[in-house]
């Protein structure tokens, strides 16, 4: 059998299309049943969004919410 036709599992995995970070995280959550991570990441994302918006023209509107 020629060397080109015989591929190891490692070589096949290297030629697969790479997943994005979000896809990889969702696959991790589904396979490992770590659903408690979703609310934590959602809250961290919302806090990050508030921090980013606080340095823009939207800051006065954000401060009126609190």
PDB file of N, CA and C in Angstrom:
ATOM      1  N   UNK A   1       0.849  -1.174   0.000  1.00  0.00           N
ATOM      2  CA  UNK A   1       0.000   0.000   0.000  1.00  0.00           C
ATOM      3  C   UNK A   1       0.898   1.241   0.000  1.00  0.00           C
ATOM      4  N   UNK A   2       0.688   2.193  -0.922  1.00  0.00           N
ATOM      5  CA  UNK A   2       1.515   3.405  -0.956  1.00  0.00           C
ATOM      6  C   UNK A   2       1.342   4.238   0.310  1.00  0.00           C
ATOM      7  N   UNK A   3       2.367   5.000   0.631  1.00  0.00           N
ATOM      8  CA  UNK A   3       2.374   5.801   1.862  1.00  0.00           C
ATOM      9  C   UNK A   3       1.295   6.886   1.821  1.00  0.00           C
ATOM     10  N   UNK A   4       0.971   7.406   0.626  1.00  0.00           N
ATOM     11  CA  UNK A   4      -0.015   8.484   0.517  1.00  0.00           C
ATOM     12  C   UNK A   4      -1.415   8.024   0.902  1.00  0.00           C
ATOM     13  N   UNK A   5      -1.751   6.784   0.623  1.00  0.00           N
ATOM     14  CA  UNK A   5      -3.096   6.291   0.898  1.00  0.00           C
ATOM     15  C   UNK A   5      -3.289   5.921   2.353  1.00  0.00           C
ATOM     16  N   UNK A   6      -2.216   5.626   3.035  1.00  0.00           N
ATOM     17  CA  UNK A   6      -2.307   5.194   4.420  1.00  0.00           C
ATOM     18  C   UNK A   6      -2.080   6.399   5.338  1.00  0.00           C
ATOM     19  N   UNK A   7      -3.121   6.797   6.044  1.00  0.00           N
ATOM     20  CA  UNK A   7      -3.025   7.951   6.933  1.00  0.00           C
ATOM     21  C   UNK A   7      -3.359   7.521   8.349  1.00  0.00           C
ATOM     22  N   UNK A   8      -2.658   8.123   9.271  1.00  0.00           N
ATOM     23  CA  UNK A   8      -2.948   7.837  10.668  1.00  0.00           C
ATOM     24  C   UNK A   8      -4.117   8.697  11.125  1.00  0.00           C
ATOM     25  N   UNK A   9      -4.642   8.366  12.266  1.00  0.00           N
ATOM     26  CA  UNK A   9      -5.747   9.143  12.831  1.00  0.00           C
ATOM     27  C   UNK A   9      -5.303  10.577  13.109  1.00  0.00           C
ATOM     28  N   UNK A  10      -4.048  10.737  13.505  1.00  0.00           N
ATOM     29  CA  UNK A  10      -3.492  12.067  13.781  1.00  0.00           C
ATOM     30  C   UNK A  10      -3.451  12.911  12.513  1.00  0.00           C
ATOM     31  N   UNK A  11      -3.041  12.327  11.402  1.00  0.00           N
ATOM     32  CA  UNK A  11      -2.982  13.055  10.132  1.00  0.00           C
ATOM     33  C   UNK A  11      -4.377  13.426   9.639  1.00  0.00           C
ATOM     34  N   UNK A  12      -5.331  12.526   9.827  1.00  0.00           N
ATOM     35  CA  UNK A  12      -6.704  12.824   9.424  1.00  0.00           C
ATOM     36  C   UNK A  12      -7.280  13.955  10.258  1.00  0.00           C
ATOM     37  N   UNK A  13      -6.993  13.961  11.546  1.00  0.00           N
ATOM     38  CA  UNK A  13      -7.491  15.031  12.416  1.00  0.00           C
ATOM     39  C   UNK A  13      -6.862  16.366  12.046  1.00  0.00           C
ATOM     40  N   UNK A  14      -5.622  16.342  11.592  1.00  0.00           N
ATOM     41  CA  UNK A  14      -4.942  17.571  11.203  1.00  0.00           C
ATOM     42  C   UNK A  14      -5.501  18.177   9.939  1.00  0.00           C
ATOM     43  N   UNK A  15      -6.139  17.386   9.113  1.00  0.00           N
ATOM     44  CA  UNK A  15      -6.687  17.891   7.856  1.00  0.00           C
ATOM     45  C   UNK A  15      -8.151  18.300   7.971  1.00  0.00           C
ATOM     46  N   UNK A  16      -8.768  18.061   9.103  1.00  0.00           N
ATOM     47  CA  UNK A  16     -10.157  18.471   9.290  1.00  0.00           C
ATOM     48  C   UNK A  16     -10.233  19.985   9.419  1.00  0.00           C
ATOM     49  N   UNK A  17     -11.414  20.518   9.122  1.00  0.00           N
ATOM     50  CA  UNK A  17     -11.633  21.948   9.244  1.00  0.00           C
ATOM     51  C   UNK A  17     -11.637  22.339  10.721  1.00  0.00           C
ATOM     52  N   UNK A  18     -10.949  23.418  11.038  1.00  0.00           N
ATOM     53  CA  UNK A  18     -10.847  23.874  12.421  1.00  0.00           C
ATOM     54  C   UNK A  18     -12.173  24.491  12.873  1.00  0.00           C
ATOM     55  N   UNK A  19     -12.546  24.230  14.125  1.00  0.00           N
ATOM     56  CA  UNK A  19     -13.756  24.814  14.694  1.00  0.00           C
ATOM     57  C   UNK A  19     -13.416  26.154  15.327  1.00  0.00           C
ATOM     58  N   UNK A  20     -14.394  27.040  15.378  1.00  0.00           N
ATOM     59  CA  UNK A  20     -14.186  28.314  16.045  1.00  0.00           C
ATOM     60  C   UNK A  20     -14.214  28.092  17.554  1.00  0.00           C
ATOM     61  N   UNK A  21     -13.820  29.096  18.296  1.00  0.00           N
ATOM     62  CA  UNK A  21     -13.791  28.997  19.752  1.00  0.00           C
ATOM     63  C   UNK A  21     -15.199  28.760  20.300  1.00  0.00           C
ATOM     64  N   UNK A  22     -16.172  29.433  19.741  1.00  0.00           N
ATOM     65  CA  UNK A  22     -17.553  29.282  20.211  1.00  0.00           C
ATOM     66  C   UNK A  22     -18.066  27.870  19.919  1.00  0.00           C
ATOM     67  N   UNK A  23     -17.785  27.360  18.717  1.00  0.00           N
ATOM     68  CA  UNK A  23     -18.217  26.002  18.377  1.00  0.00           C
ATOM     69  C   UNK A  23     -17.561  24.979  19.286  1.00  0.00           C
ATOM     70  N   UNK A  24     -16.277  25.183  19.545  1.00  0.00           N
ATOM     71  CA  UNK A  24     -15.562  24.245  20.400  1.00  0.00           C
ATOM     72  C   UNK A  24     -16.109  24.284  21.830  1.00  0.00           C
ATOM     73  N   UNK A  25     -16.430  25.483  22.326  1.00  0.00           N
ATOM     74  CA  UNK A  25     -16.987  25.601  23.671  1.00  0.00           C
ATOM     75  C   UNK A  25     -18.358  24.941  23.757  1.00  0.00           C
ATOM     76  N   UNK A  26     -19.203  25.176  22.754  1.00  0.00           N
ATOM     77  CA  UNK A  26     -20.535  24.564  22.766  1.00  0.00           C
ATOM     78  C   UNK A  26     -20.443  23.044  22.707  1.00  0.00           C
ATOM     79  N   UNK A  27     -19.514  22.519  21.927  1.00  0.00           N
ATOM     80  CA  UNK A  27     -19.309  21.080  21.870  1.00  0.00           C
ATOM     81  C   UNK A  27     -18.867  20.545  23.229  1.00  0.00           C
ATOM     82  N   UNK A  28     -17.987  21.286  23.905  1.00  0.00           N
ATOM     83  CA  UNK A  28     -17.540  20.898  25.242  1.00  0.00           C
ATOM     84  C   UNK A  28     -18.708  20.865  26.227  1.00  0.00           C
ATOM     85  N   UNK A  29     -19.552  21.905  26.196  1.00  0.00           N
ATOM     86  CA  UNK A  29     -20.686  21.988  27.118  1.00  0.00           C
ATOM     87  C   UNK A  29     -21.657  20.835  26.884  1.00  0.00           C
ATOM     88  N   UNK A  30     -21.940  20.527  25.623  1.00  0.00           N
ATOM     89  CA  UNK A  30     -22.895  19.468  25.310  1.00  0.00           C
ATOM     90  C   UNK A  30     -22.340  18.094  25.690  1.00  0.00           C
ATOM     91  N   UNK A  31     -21.087  17.828  25.342  1.00  0.00           N
ATOM     92  CA  UNK A  31     -20.525  16.506  25.600  1.00  0.00           C
ATOM     93  C   UNK A  31     -20.285  16.254  27.090  1.00  0.00           C
ATOM     94  N   UNK A  32     -19.875  17.282  27.819  1.00  0.00           N
ATOM     95  CA  UNK A  32     -19.546  17.095  29.224  1.00  0.00           C
ATOM     96  C   UNK A  32     -20.670  17.510  30.168  1.00  0.00           C
ATOM     97  N   UNK A  33     -21.780  17.962  29.589  1.00  0.00           N
ATOM     98  CA  UNK A  33     -22.958  18.361  30.369  1.00  0.00           C
ATOM     99  C   UNK A  33     -22.606  19.384  31.446  1.00  0.00           C
ATOM    100  N   UNK A  34     -21.906  20.412  31.044  1.00  0.00           N
ATOM    101  CA  UNK A  34     -21.509  21.491  31.941  1.00  0.00           C
ATOM    102  C   UNK A  34     -22.421  22.705  31.727  1.00  0.00           C
ATOM    103  N   UNK A  35     -23.719  22.489  31.837  1.00  0.00           N
ATOM    104  CA  UNK A  35     -24.683  23.552  31.545  1.00  0.00           C
ATOM    105  C   UNK A  35     -24.596  24.709  32.526  1.00  0.00           C
ATOM    106  N   UNK A  36     -23.998  24.504  33.694  1.00  0.00           N
ATOM    107  CA  UNK A  36     -23.883  25.579  34.672  1.00  0.00           C
ATOM    108  C   UNK A  36     -22.907  26.653  34.202  1.00  0.00           C
ATOM    109  N   UNK A  37     -22.103  26.382  33.181  1.00  0.00           N
ATOM    110  CA  UNK A  37     -21.171  27.384  32.660  1.00  0.00           C
ATOM    111  C   UNK A  37     -21.888  28.460  31.842  1.00  0.00           C
ATOM    112  N   UNK A  38     -22.998  28.130  31.237  1.00  0.00           N
ATOM    113  CA  UNK A  38     -23.693  29.067  30.354  1.00  0.00           C
ATOM    114  C   UNK A  38     -24.126  30.349  31.067  1.00  0.00           C
ATOM    115  N   UNK A  39     -24.786  30.292  32.229  1.00  0.00           N
ATOM    116  CA  UNK A  39     -25.184  31.550  32.887  1.00  0.00           C
ATOM    117  C   UNK A  39     -23.984  32.387  33.336  1.00  0.00           C
ATOM    118  N   UNK A  40     -22.921  31.729  33.754  1.00  0.00           N
ATOM    119  CA  UNK A  40     -21.729  32.465  34.187  1.00  0.00           C
ATOM    120  C   UNK A  40     -21.143  33.232  33.012  1.00  0.00           C
ATOM    121  N   UNK A  41     -21.023  32.579  31.873  1.00  0.00           N
ATOM    122  CA  UNK A  41     -20.462  33.238  30.698  1.00  0.00           C
ATOM    123  C   UNK A  41     -21.397  34.313  30.158  1.00  0.00           C
ATOM    124  N   UNK A  42     -22.685  34.103  30.272  1.00  0.00           N
ATOM    125  CA  UNK A  42     -23.644  35.119  29.843  1.00  0.00           C
ATOM    126  C   UNK A  42     -23.494  36.384  30.684  1.00  0.00           C
ATOM    127  N   UNK A  43     -23.396  36.231  31.989  1.00  0.00           N
ATOM    128  CA  UNK A  43     -23.234  37.388  32.874  1.00  0.00           C
ATOM    129  C   UNK A  43     -21.900  38.086  32.609  1.00  0.00           C
ATOM    130  N   UNK A  44     -20.832  37.313  32.438  1.00  0.00           N
ATOM    131  CA  UNK A  44     -19.532  37.917  32.119  1.00  0.00           C
ATOM    132  C   UNK A  44     -19.582  38.671  30.798  1.00  0.00           C
ATOM    133  N   UNK A  45     -20.287  38.123  29.822  1.00  0.00           N
ATOM    134  CA  UNK A  45     -20.429  38.805  28.537  1.00  0.00           C
ATOM    135  C   UNK A  45     -21.207  40.104  28.664  1.00  0.00           C
ATOM    136  N   UNK A  46     -22.275  40.092  29.466  1.00  0.00           N
ATOM    137  CA  UNK A  46     -23.064  41.319  29.663  1.00  0.00           C
ATOM    138  C   UNK A  46     -22.270  42.384  30.404  1.00  0.00           C
ATOM    139  N   UNK A  47     -21.489  41.979  31.400  1.00  0.00           N
ATOM    140  CA  UNK A  47     -20.642  42.936  32.116  1.00  0.00           C
ATOM    141  C   UNK A  47     -19.594  43.518  31.165  1.00  0.00           C
ATOM    142  N   UNK A  48     -19.008  42.672  30.341  1.00  0.00           N
ATOM    143  CA  UNK A  48     -18.047  43.160  29.354  1.00  0.00           C
ATOM    144  C   UNK A  48     -18.672  44.136  28.379  1.00  0.00           C
ATOM    145  N   UNK A  49     -19.901  43.858  27.956  1.00  0.00           N
ATOM    146  CA  UNK A  49     -20.619  44.758  27.060  1.00  0.00           C
ATOM    147  C   UNK A  49     -20.879  46.103  27.741  1.00  0.00           C
ATOM    148  N   UNK A  50     -21.270  46.079  29.008  1.00  0.00           N
ATOM    149  CA  UNK A  50     -21.491  47.329  29.744  1.00  0.00           C
ATOM    150  C   UNK A  50     -20.197  48.139  29.866  1.00  0.00           C
ATOM    151  N   UNK A  51     -19.098  47.460  30.106  1.00  0.00           N
ATOM    152  CA  UNK A  51     -17.810  48.162  30.211  1.00  0.00           C
ATOM    153  C   UNK A  51     -17.453  48.799  28.875  1.00  0.00           C
ATOM    154  N   UNK A  52     -17.666  48.082  27.792  1.00  0.00           N
ATOM    155  CA  UNK A  52     -17.353  48.643  26.474  1.00  0.00           C
ATOM    156  C   UNK A  52     -18.258  49.829  26.145  1.00  0.00           C
ATOM    157  N   UNK A  53     -19.534  49.715  26.474  1.00  0.00           N
ATOM    158  CA  UNK A  53     -20.465  50.801  26.162  1.00  0.00           C
ATOM    159  C   UNK A  53     -20.286  52.011  27.072  1.00  0.00           C
ATOM    160  N   UNK A  54     -19.689  51.814  28.232  1.00  0.00           N
ATOM    161  CA  UNK A  54     -19.517  52.939  29.160  1.00  0.00           C
ATOM    162  C   UNK A  54     -18.480  53.932  28.651  1.00  0.00           C
ATOM    163  N   UNK A  55     -17.662  53.541  27.713  1.00  0.00           N
ATOM    164  CA  UNK A  55     -16.660  54.466  27.174  1.00  0.00           C
ATOM    165  C   UNK A  55     -17.129  55.095  25.860  1.00  0.00           C
ATOM    166  N   UNK A  56     -18.381  54.908  25.495  1.00  0.00           N
ATOM    167  CA  UNK A  56     -18.909  55.479  24.254  1.00  0.00           C
ATOM    168  C   UNK A  56     -19.969  56.521  24.582  1.00  0.00           C
ATOM    169  N   UNK A  57     -20.643  56.974  23.565  1.00  0.00           N
ATOM    170  CA  UNK A  57     -21.710  57.956  23.744  1.00  0.00           C
ATOM    171  C   UNK A  57     -22.939  57.379  24.413  1.00  0.00           C
ATOM    172  N   UNK A  58     -22.988  56.071  24.586  1.00  0.00           N
ATOM    173  CA  UNK A  58     -24.148  55.442  25.216  1.00  0.00           C
ATOM    174  C   UNK A  58     -24.071  55.478  26.739  1.00  0.00           C
ATOM    175  N   UNK A  59     -22.974  55.987  27.284  1.00  0.00           N
ATOM    176  CA  UNK A  59     -22.773  55.968  28.737  1.00  0.00           C
ATOM    177  C   UNK A  59     -23.900  56.683  29.503  1.00  0.00           C
ATOM    178  N   UNK A  60     -24.343  57.870  29.107  1.00  0.00           N
ATOM    179  CA  UNK A  60     -25.426  58.518  29.875  1.00  0.00           C
ATOM    180  C   UNK A  60     -26.707  57.691  29.924  1.00  0.00           C
ATOM    181  N   UNK A  61     -26.971  56.933  28.878  1.00  0.00           N
ATOM    182  CA  UNK A  61     -28.184  56.119  28.856  1.00  0.00           C
ATOM    183  C   UNK A  61     -28.051  54.884  29.739  1.00  0.00           C
ATOM    184  N   UNK A  62     -26.852  54.363  29.854  1.00  0.00           N
ATOM    185  CA  UNK A  62     -26.618  53.204  30.705  1.00  0.00           C
ATOM    186  C   UNK A  62     -26.744  53.601  32.177  1.00  0.00           C
ATOM    187  N   UNK A  63     -26.187  54.750  32.531  1.00  0.00           N
ATOM    188  CA  UNK A  63     -26.205  55.182  33.933  1.00  0.00           C
ATOM    189  C   UNK A  63     -27.627  55.473  34.421  1.00  0.00           C
ATOM    190  N   UNK A  64     -28.531  55.836  33.519  1.00  0.00           N
ATOM    191  CA  UNK A  64     -29.909  56.083  33.959  1.00  0.00           C
ATOM    192  C   UNK A  64     -30.641  54.795  34.306  1.00  0.00           C
ATOM    193  N   UNK A  65     -30.128  53.634  33.868  1.00  0.00           N
ATOM    194  CA  UNK A  65     -30.754  52.374  34.201  1.00  0.00           C
ATOM    195  C   UNK A  65     -30.535  52.014  35.672  1.00  0.00           C
ATOM    196  N   UNK A  66     -29.489  52.518  36.250  1.00  0.00           N
ATOM    197  CA  UNK A  66     -29.164  52.174  37.625  1.00  0.00           C
ATOM    198  C   UNK A  66     -29.539  53.317  38.507  1.00  0.00           C
TER     199      UNK A  66
END
